[in-house]
C-alpha atoms as a PDB file:
ATOM      1  CA  UNK A   1      -7.825  -5.500  -7.695  1.00  0.00           C
ATOM      2  CA  UNK A   2      -5.061  -2.503  -7.613  1.00  0.00           C
ATOM      3  CA  UNK A   3      -4.294  -0.753 -10.907  1.00  0.00           C
ATOM      4  CA  UNK A   4      -1.521   1.306 -11.393  1.00  0.00           C
ATOM      5  CA  UNK A   5      -3.149   3.800 -12.836  1.00  0.00           C
ATOM      6  CA  UNK A   6      -4.851   4.526 -10.211  1.00  0.00           C
ATOM      7  CA  UNK A   7      -2.173   4.801  -7.131  1.00  0.00           C
ATOM      8  CA  UNK A   8      -2.295   7.926  -5.204  1.00  0.00           C
ATOM      9  CA  UNK A   9      -0.062  10.484  -5.718  1.00  0.00           C
ATOM     10  CA  UNK A  10       1.042  10.276  -1.922  1.00  0.00           C
ATOM     11  CA  UNK A  11       2.806   6.993  -2.212  1.00  0.00           C
ATOM     12  CA  UNK A  12       6.190   6.480  -2.269  1.00  0.00           C
ATOM     13  CA  UNK A  13       7.903   6.008  -5.788  1.00  0.00           C
ATOM     14  CA  UNK A  14       8.212   2.758  -6.138  1.00  0.00           C
ATOM     15  CA  UNK A  15       6.325  -1.089  -6.566  1.00  0.00           C
ATOM     16  CA  UNK A  16       4.612  -0.805  -3.983  1.00  0.00           C
ATOM     17  CA  UNK A  17       1.284   1.295  -4.235  1.00  0.00           C
ATOM     18  CA  UNK A  18      -2.115   1.953  -2.895  1.00  0.00           C
ATOM     19  CA  UNK A  19      -4.942   2.786  -5.157  1.00  0.00           C
ATOM     20  CA  UNK A  20      -8.589   4.834  -5.275  1.00  0.00           C
ATOM     21  CA  UNK A  21      -9.719   0.998  -4.137  1.00  0.00           C
ATOM     22  CA  UNK A  22      -9.146   1.365  -0.588  1.00  0.00           C
ATOM     23  CA  UNK A  23     -11.907   1.557   1.605  1.00  0.00           C
ATOM     24  CA  UNK A  24      -9.816   2.588   4.517  1.00  0.00           C
ATOM     25  CA  UNK A  25      -9.610   0.121   6.864  1.00  0.00           C
ATOM     26  CA  UNK A  26      -5.966   0.954   7.813  1.00  0.00           C
ATOM     27  CA  UNK A  27      -5.670  -2.805   8.294  1.00  0.00           C
ATOM     28  CA  UNK A  28      -2.086  -2.463   6.040  1.00  0.00           C
ATOM     29  CA  UNK A  29      -1.418   0.601   8.389  1.00  0.00           C
ATOM     30  CA  UNK A  30      -2.021  -1.180  11.861  1.00  0.00           C
ATOM     31  CA  UNK A  31      -0.133  -4.223  10.662  1.00  0.00           C
ATOM     32  CA  UNK A  32       2.691  -3.012   8.773  1.00  0.00           C
ATOM     33  CA  UNK A  33       3.334   0.734   9.711  1.00  0.00           C
ATOM     34  CA  UNK A  34       6.453   1.349   8.725  1.00  0.00           C
ATOM     35  CA  UNK A  35       5.246   0.637   5.037  1.00  0.00           C
ATOM     36  CA  UNK A  36       1.956   1.591   4.858  1.00  0.00           C
ATOM     37  CA  UNK A  37       0.343   5.270   6.438  1.00  0.00           C
ATOM     38  CA  UNK A  38      -3.338   6.498   6.775  1.00  0.00           C
ATOM     39  CA  UNK A  39      -4.135  10.077   4.893  1.00  0.00           C
ATOM     40  CA  UNK A  40      -6.663  11.042   7.345  1.00  0.00           C
ATOM     41  CA  UNK A  41      -7.639  13.983   4.918  1.00  0.00           C
ATOM     42  CA  UNK A  42      -8.207  11.686   1.454  1.00  0.00           C
ATOM     43  CA  UNK A  43      -9.604   8.784   4.144  1.00  0.00           C
ATOM     44  CA  UNK A  44      -7.405   6.504   2.087  1.00  0.00           C
ATOM     45  CA  UNK A  45      -3.427   5.052   3.075  1.00  0.00           C
ATOM     46  CA  UNK A  46      -0.241   5.009   1.224  1.00  0.00           C
ATOM     47  CA  UNK A  47       3.272   3.241   0.867  1.00  0.00           C
ATOM     48  CA  UNK A  48       5.739   5.808   3.395  1.00  0.00           C
ATOM     49  CA  UNK A  49       8.417   3.992   2.829  1.00  0.00           C
ATOM     50  CA  UNK A  50       9.174   0.863  -0.152  1.00  0.00           C
ATOM     51  CA  UNK A  51      10.445  -2.612   1.002  1.00  0.00           C
ATOM     52  CA  UNK A  52      14.161  -3.638   0.052  1.00  0.00           C
ATOM     53  CA  UNK A  53      14.597  -6.626   2.367  1.00  0.00           C
ATOM     54  CA  UNK A  54      13.061  -9.811   1.659  1.00  0.00           C
ATOM     55  CA  UNK A  55      11.596  -9.785   4.732  1.00  0.00           C
ATOM     56  CA  UNK A  56      10.061  -6.630   4.566  1.00  0.00           C
ATOM     57  CA  UNK A  57       8.847  -7.594   0.872  1.00  0.00           C
ATOM     58  CA  UNK A  58       7.011 -10.207   3.111  1.00  0.00           C
ATOM     59  CA  UNK A  59       5.698  -7.960   5.357  1.00  0.00           C
ATOM     60  CA  UNK A  60       4.028  -5.905   1.731  1.00  0.00           C
ATOM     61  CA  UNK A  61       3.008  -9.261   0.324  1.00  0.00           C
ATOM     62  CA  UNK A  62       1.361 -10.310   3.716  1.00  0.00           C
ATOM     63  CA  UNK A  63      -0.607  -6.017   3.885  1.00  0.00           C
ATOM     64  CA  UNK A  64      -1.118  -6.530   0.075  1.00  0.00           C
ATOM     65  CA  UNK A  65      -2.797 -10.437   0.355  1.00  0.00           C
ATOM     66  CA  UNK A  66      -5.034  -9.473   3.355  1.00  0.00           C
ATOM     67  CA  UNK A  67      -6.511  -5.948   1.986  1.00  0.00           C
ATOM     68  CA  UNK A  68      -9.855  -7.051   1.901  1.00  0.00           C
ATOM     69  CA  UNK A  69     -10.662  -4.586  -1.615  1.00  0.00           C
ATOM     70  CA  UNK A  70      -7.262  -5.915  -3.541  1.00  0.00           C
ATOM     71  CA  UNK A  71      -6.262  -1.596  -3.127  1.00  0.00           C
ATOM     72  CA  UNK A  72      -2.622  -2.666  -2.604  1.00  0.00           C
ATOM     73  CA  UNK A  73      -0.570  -3.384  -5.855  1.00  0.00           C
ATOM     74  CA  UNK A  74       3.073  -4.491  -6.542  1.00  0.00           C
ATOM     75  CA  UNK A  75       3.277  -3.823  -9.946  1.00  0.00           C
ATOM     76  CA  UNK A  76       4.470  -0.531  -9.967  1.00  0.00           C
ATOM     77  CA  UNK A  77       7.986   0.933 -10.897  1.00  0.00           C
ATOM     78  CA  UNK A  78      10.646  -0.341  -9.521  1.00  0.00           C
END
């Protein structure tokens, strides 16, 4: 499970974040590129924009549920 105190600093401020458990599988950035991107130099993904609508939240939740190492959290500062 993602831990807020291990979130990457590149994450956009808000509820969703990627933490240091990310294995750079790129699943989230490929499936939800409006919200997740890959840090090429750090070899991990991060949140580029926080969701605002119910549809956007659902997309981020799908990415969170699909993350193989549970590196996406939704308990950040909202």
